C-alpha atoms as a PDB file:
ATOM      1  CA  MET A   1       1.306  56.818   9.650  1.00  0.00           C
ATOM      2  CA  VAL A   2      -1.363  54.252  10.557  1.00  0.00           C
ATOM      3  CA  LYS A   3      -1.844  53.234  14.184  1.00  0.00           C
ATOM      4  CA  VAL A   4      -3.256  49.756  14.851  1.00  0.00           C
ATOM      5  CA  LEU A   5      -4.362  48.211  18.152  1.00  0.00           C
ATOM      6  CA  PHE A   6      -4.884  44.436  18.452  1.00  0.00           C
ATOM      7  CA  VAL A   7      -7.285  43.295  21.200  1.00  0.00           C
ATOM      8  CA  CYS A   8      -8.015  39.992  22.952  1.00  0.00           C
ATOM      9  CA  THR A   9      -9.180  39.148  26.479  1.00  0.00           C
ATOM     10  CA  GLY A  10      -6.120  39.345  28.752  1.00  0.00           C
ATOM     11  CA  ASN A  11      -3.454  40.569  26.303  1.00  0.00           C
ATOM     12  CA  ILE A  12      -1.080  37.647  26.922  1.00  0.00           C
ATOM     13  CA  CYS A  13      -1.718  35.277  23.989  1.00  0.00           C
ATOM     14  CA  ARG A  14      -3.538  36.362  20.837  1.00  0.00           C
ATOM     15  CA  SER A  15      -3.185  40.152  20.740  1.00  0.00           C
ATOM     16  CA  PRO A  16       0.528  40.313  21.630  1.00  0.00           C
ATOM     17  CA  THR A  17       1.145  37.628  19.001  1.00  0.00           C
ATOM     18  CA  ALA A  18      -0.726  39.733  16.437  1.00  0.00           C
ATOM     19  CA  GLU A  19       1.192  42.847  17.479  1.00  0.00           C
ATOM     20  CA  GLY A  20       4.562  41.114  17.249  1.00  0.00           C
ATOM     21  CA  VAL A  21       3.862  39.361  13.962  1.00  0.00           C
ATOM     22  CA  PHE A  22       2.434  42.532  12.413  1.00  0.00           C
ATOM     23  CA  ARG A  23       5.503  44.568  13.437  1.00  0.00           C
ATOM     24  CA  HIS A  24       7.855  41.836  12.194  1.00  0.00           C
ATOM     25  CA  LEU A  25       6.164  41.588   8.794  1.00  0.00           C
ATOM     26  CA  ALA A  26       5.873  45.381   8.492  1.00  0.00           C
ATOM     27  CA  GLU A  27       9.632  45.707   9.056  1.00  0.00           C
ATOM     28  CA  ARG A  28      10.380  42.975   6.506  1.00  0.00           C
ATOM     29  CA  ALA A  29       8.177  44.764   3.971  1.00  0.00           C
ATOM     30  CA  GLY A  30       9.830  48.118   4.635  1.00  0.00           C
ATOM     31  CA  LEU A  31       6.669  49.524   6.202  1.00  0.00           C
ATOM     32  CA  GLY A  32       7.919  49.824   9.785  1.00  0.00           C
ATOM     33  CA  GLY A  33       8.099  53.605   9.491  1.00  0.00           C
ATOM     34  CA  HIS A  34       4.512  53.776   8.234  1.00  0.00           C
ATOM     35  CA  VAL A  35       2.703  51.815  10.961  1.00  0.00           C
ATOM     36  CA  ILE A  36       2.521  51.756  14.739  1.00  0.00           C
ATOM     37  CA  ALA A  37       1.219  48.638  16.472  1.00  0.00           C
ATOM     38  CA  ASP A  38       0.159  47.972  20.035  1.00  0.00           C
ATOM     39  CA  SER A  39      -2.044  45.447  21.824  1.00  0.00           C
ATOM     40  CA  ALA A  40      -4.393  45.426  24.779  1.00  0.00           C
ATOM     41  CA  GLY A  41      -6.962  43.287  26.556  1.00  0.00           C
ATOM     42  CA  THR A  42     -10.633  43.816  27.221  1.00  0.00           C
ATOM     43  CA  HIS A  43      -9.948  42.741  30.820  1.00  0.00           C
ATOM     44  CA  GLY A  44      -7.193  43.695  33.230  1.00  0.00           C
ATOM     45  CA  TYR A  45      -6.377  40.178  34.460  1.00  0.00           C
ATOM     46  CA  HIS A  46      -2.714  40.319  33.462  1.00  0.00           C
ATOM     47  CA  VAL A  47      -1.809  44.039  33.415  1.00  0.00           C
ATOM     48  CA  GLY A  48       1.968  44.470  33.493  1.00  0.00           C
ATOM     49  CA  GLU A  49       2.714  40.810  32.743  1.00  0.00           C
ATOM     50  CA  PRO A  50       4.682  39.597  29.702  1.00  0.00           C
ATOM     51  CA  PRO A  51       2.992  37.361  27.133  1.00  0.00           C
ATOM     52  CA  ASP A  52       2.336  33.752  28.147  1.00  0.00           C
ATOM     53  CA  PRO A  53       5.614  31.740  28.011  1.00  0.00           C
ATOM     54  CA  ARG A  54       4.060  29.356  25.449  1.00  0.00           C
ATOM     55  CA  THR A  55       3.122  32.325  23.266  1.00  0.00           C
ATOM     56  CA  GLN A  56       6.630  33.718  23.500  1.00  0.00           C
ATOM     57  CA  ALA A  57       8.277  30.367  22.719  1.00  0.00           C
ATOM     58  CA  ALA A  58       6.097  29.703  19.670  1.00  0.00           C
ATOM     59  CA  ALA A  59       6.653  33.217  18.319  1.00  0.00           C
ATOM     60  CA  LEU A  60      10.409  33.154  18.949  1.00  0.00           C
ATOM     61  CA  ALA A  61      10.669  29.872  17.020  1.00  0.00           C
ATOM     62  CA  ARG A  62       9.426  31.900  14.027  1.00  0.00           C
ATOM     63  CA  GLY A  63      11.796  34.792  14.662  1.00  0.00           C
ATOM     64  CA  VAL A  64       9.330  37.063  16.478  1.00  0.00           C
ATOM     65  CA  ASP A  65      10.469  38.282  19.913  1.00  0.00           C
ATOM     66  CA  LEU A  66       7.591  39.210  22.233  1.00  0.00           C
ATOM     67  CA  SER A  67       9.655  39.419  25.428  1.00  0.00           C
ATOM     68  CA  THR A  68       9.468  43.215  25.792  1.00  0.00           C
ATOM     69  CA  LEU A  69       5.669  43.383  25.525  1.00  0.00           C
ATOM     70  CA  ARG A  70       3.548  43.881  28.645  1.00  0.00           C
ATOM     71  CA  ALA A  71      -0.187  43.373  29.032  1.00  0.00           C
ATOM     72  CA  ARG A  72      -2.473  46.336  29.428  1.00  0.00           C
ATOM     73  CA  LYS A  73      -6.200  46.957  29.370  1.00  0.00           C
ATOM     74  CA  VAL A  74      -7.986  48.867  26.614  1.00  0.00           C
ATOM     75  CA  ALA A  75      -8.378  52.528  27.624  1.00  0.00           C
ATOM     76  CA  ALA A  76     -10.930  55.099  26.495  1.00  0.00           C
ATOM     77  CA  ALA A  77      -8.131  57.117  24.870  1.00  0.00           C
ATOM     78  CA  ASP A  78      -7.333  54.164  22.582  1.00  0.00           C
ATOM     79  CA  PHE A  79     -10.514  54.869  20.627  1.00  0.00           C
ATOM     80  CA  THR A  80      -9.054  58.160  19.374  1.00  0.00           C
ATOM     81  CA  ARG A  81      -5.323  57.352  19.632  1.00  0.00           C
ATOM     82  CA  PHE A  82      -5.572  54.492  17.106  1.00  0.00           C
ATOM     83  CA  ASP A  83      -6.914  54.490  13.546  1.00  0.00           C
ATOM     84  CA  LEU A  84      -7.878  50.831  13.621  1.00  0.00           C
ATOM     85  CA  ILE A  85      -8.760  48.563  16.538  1.00  0.00           C
ATOM     86  CA  LEU A  86      -8.796  44.887  15.584  1.00  0.00           C
ATOM     87  CA  ALA A  87     -10.609  42.326  17.720  1.00  0.00           C
ATOM     88  CA  MET A  88      -9.526  38.696  17.832  1.00  0.00           C
ATOM     89  CA  ASP A  89     -13.126  37.429  18.076  1.00  0.00           C
ATOM     90  CA  GLN A  90     -16.756  38.531  17.917  1.00  0.00           C
ATOM     91  CA  GLY A  91     -17.008  38.798  21.719  1.00  0.00           C
ATOM     92  CA  HIS A  92     -14.115  41.255  21.804  1.00  0.00           C
ATOM     93  CA  LEU A  93     -15.620  43.223  18.934  1.00  0.00           C
ATOM     94  CA  ALA A  94     -18.963  43.500  20.739  1.00  0.00           C
ATOM     95  CA  GLN A  95     -17.227  44.563  23.944  1.00  0.00           C
ATOM     96  CA  LEU A  96     -15.152  47.178  22.114  1.00  0.00           C
ATOM     97  CA  ARG A  97     -18.327  48.614  20.590  1.00  0.00           C
ATOM     98  CA  ARG A  98     -19.804  48.913  24.101  1.00  0.00           C
ATOM     99  CA  LEU A  99     -16.617  50.489  25.490  1.00  0.00           C
ATOM    100  CA  ALA A 100     -16.202  53.031  22.682  1.00  0.00           C
ATOM    101  CA  PRO A 101     -16.781  56.508  24.134  1.00  0.00           C
ATOM    102  CA  ALA A 102     -18.651  59.296  22.378  1.00  0.00           C
ATOM    103  CA  GLY A 103     -16.366  60.843  19.795  1.00  0.00           C
ATOM    104  CA  ALA A 104     -14.439  57.619  19.136  1.00  0.00           C
ATOM    105  CA  THR A 105     -12.698  57.789  15.759  1.00  0.00           C
ATOM    106  CA  ALA A 106     -11.026  54.367  15.486  1.00  0.00           C
ATOM    107  CA  ALA A 107     -12.517  51.842  13.082  1.00  0.00           C
ATOM    108  CA  LEU A 108     -13.470  48.604  14.885  1.00  0.00           C
ATOM    109  CA  ARG A 109     -13.148  45.329  12.976  1.00  0.00           C
ATOM    110  CA  LEU A 110     -12.259  41.670  13.256  1.00  0.00           C
ATOM    111  CA  PHE A 111      -8.545  41.073  12.761  1.00  0.00           C
ATOM    112  CA  LEU A 112      -8.935  38.365  10.111  1.00  0.00           C
ATOM    113  CA  ASP A 113     -11.294  40.374   7.888  1.00  0.00           C
ATOM    114  CA  ASP A 114      -8.345  41.350   5.653  1.00  0.00           C
ATOM    115  CA  ALA A 115      -7.018  37.794   5.315  1.00  0.00           C
ATOM    116  CA  PRO A 116      -8.212  36.282   2.024  1.00  0.00           C
ATOM    117  CA  GLY A 117     -10.440  33.292   2.751  1.00  0.00           C
ATOM    118  CA  LEU A 118     -10.549  33.996   6.492  1.00  0.00           C
ATOM    119  CA  GLU A 119     -12.951  36.947   6.515  1.00  0.00           C
ATOM    120  CA  GLY A 120     -15.288  36.806   9.510  1.00  0.00           C
ATOM    121  CA  ARG A 121     -13.236  34.075  11.186  1.00  0.00           C
ATOM    122  CA  GLU A 122     -12.066  34.391  14.784  1.00  0.00           C
ATOM    123  CA  VAL A 123      -8.604  33.762  16.220  1.00  0.00           C
ATOM    124  CA  PRO A 124      -9.200  30.991  18.803  1.00  0.00           C
ATOM    125  CA  ASP A 125      -7.901  31.337  22.353  1.00  0.00           C
ATOM    126  CA  PRO A 126      -5.003  28.877  22.837  1.00  0.00           C
ATOM    127  CA  TYR A 127      -4.638  29.438  26.588  1.00  0.00           C
ATOM    128  CA  TYR A 128      -6.268  26.219  27.819  1.00  0.00           C
ATOM    129  CA  GLY A 129      -5.000  23.984  25.014  1.00  0.00           C
ATOM    130  CA  GLY A 130      -1.747  22.497  23.816  1.00  0.00           C
ATOM    131  CA  ALA A 131       1.147  23.739  21.710  1.00  0.00           C
ATOM    132  CA  ASP A 132      -0.780  23.246  18.463  1.00  0.00           C
ATOM    133  CA  GLY A 133      -3.171  26.030  19.491  1.00  0.00           C
ATOM    134  CA  PHE A 134      -0.316  28.525  19.744  1.00  0.00           C
ATOM    135  CA  GLU A 135       0.927  27.450  16.312  1.00  0.00           C
ATOM    136  CA  GLU A 136      -2.562  27.974  14.870  1.00  0.00           C
ATOM    137  CA  VAL A 137      -2.694  31.461  16.407  1.00  0.00           C
ATOM    138  CA  LEU A 138       0.654  32.268  14.780  1.00  0.00           C
ATOM    139  CA  ASP A 139      -0.544  30.979  11.397  1.00  0.00           C
ATOM    140  CA  LEU A 140      -3.690  33.109  11.638  1.00  0.00           C
ATOM    141  CA  CYS A 141      -1.774  36.171  12.845  1.00  0.00           C
ATOM    142  CA  GLU A 142       0.608  35.851   9.909  1.00  0.00           C
ATOM    143  CA  ALA A 143      -2.291  35.603   7.449  1.00  0.00           C
ATOM    144  CA  GLY A 144      -4.155  38.487   9.097  1.00  0.00           C
ATOM    145  CA  SER A 145      -1.065  40.682   9.226  1.00  0.00           C
ATOM    146  CA  ARG A 146      -0.173  40.026   5.578  1.00  0.00           C
ATOM    147  CA  GLY A 147      -3.718  40.865   4.511  1.00  0.00           C
ATOM    148  CA  LEU A 148      -3.798  44.010   6.625  1.00  0.00           C
ATOM    149  CA  LEU A 149      -0.404  45.190   5.365  1.00  0.00           C
ATOM    150  CA  ASP A 150      -1.478  44.544   1.772  1.00  0.00           C
ATOM    151  CA  ARG A 151      -4.635  46.620   2.308  1.00  0.00           C
ATOM    152  CA  LEU A 152      -2.790  49.426   4.069  1.00  0.00           C
ATOM    153  CA  SER A 153      -0.113  49.560   1.371  1.00  0.00           C
ATOM    154  CA  ARG A 154      -2.829  49.871  -1.301  1.00  0.00           C
ATOM    155  CA  GLU A 155      -5.064  52.344   0.521  1.00  0.00           C
ATOM    156  CA  CYS A 156      -2.263  54.499   1.924  1.00  0.00           C
ATOM    157  CA  ARG A 157       0.067  53.983  -1.033  1.00  0.00           C
ATOM    158  CA  PHE A 158       2.872  52.644   1.149  1.00  0.00           C
ATOM    159  CA  PRO A 159       5.597  51.065  -0.994  1.00  0.00           C
ATOM    160  CA  ILE A 160       6.292  47.443  -0.055  1.00  0.00           C
ATOM    161  CA  ARG A 161      10.029  46.819  -0.253  1.00  0.00           C
ATOM    162  CA  GLU A 162      10.040  43.022  -0.195  1.00  0.00           C
ATOM    163  CA  SER A 163       7.834  40.008   0.209  1.00  0.00           C
ATOM    164  CA  MET A 164       6.189  39.370   3.555  1.00  0.00           C
ATOM    165  CA  GLY A 165       6.026  35.632   2.738  1.00  0.00           C
END
């Protein structure tokens, strides 16, 4: 079992999208029983709130339901509870490194580092833009999730049942 935490600023746009897309693709690939996904924010602006309505609508149009997710803030326990904590951008990654307590065991990385051709790229914040920004986030979350699931299936020898495409 691999436990993955996706992190953005307020946990209402990028990280819940990544969580939902990752879970959806993991289920389609037959890996749902091998991975646990969650999301959180570096800030507590929206704790307890559902994902942004625009985020939910864009995801649902692709068959990913985010309606049950609720925002939360990254906690010290997350650094040992999860195997992998994936930041949506460099600012989040730097903040996670500062927040990591002594004894932290989770690997900290950028989310898109496993997406072929997108290594080192950030997932842009769509909050202040139009609908196209939410579509771009979904595209990137799909690419990042496919890459991550491919890596996990190789490294952990999880059998992929069907295409994630």
